[in-house]
Amino acid sequence: MVAQLRERHGLSQRALAVRASTSQAWISRVETGEISPSVDSLERLLHAMGEQLVLDNVRLSHDDTDRHHRATTAAMDMPERLERALSAASFVAELHGRARDAR
């Protein structure tokens, strides 16, 4: 988003950095996704380009699915709930191990 807006406004990373009182290296790291700016920092960047940050919330479309999942889980007996929870924990641990090995 930052890179697209910066380019739309015809600014270089250096020019935006000067306007936002930051470094060109920091702008580059934000644009490449190496770092995620805080809301305050993003607001400062956008303001330096004459833009305003607007946050909003929208209800997720899968809310009915969540209600169904809660009802299904509530209908299970305790051993079945525990088995599912342990299975999910095992799956997460496996994913974590694969991610660690991939580094």
Foldseek 3Di string as FASTA:
>chain_A
DLVVLCVVLVHDLQRLCVLLVHHSVVSVCCVVVVDPDDPVSVQSSQVSSVHGDDDDDDDDPCVVVVVVVVVVLVPDDPVVNVVVVVVVVVVVVVVVVVVVVVD
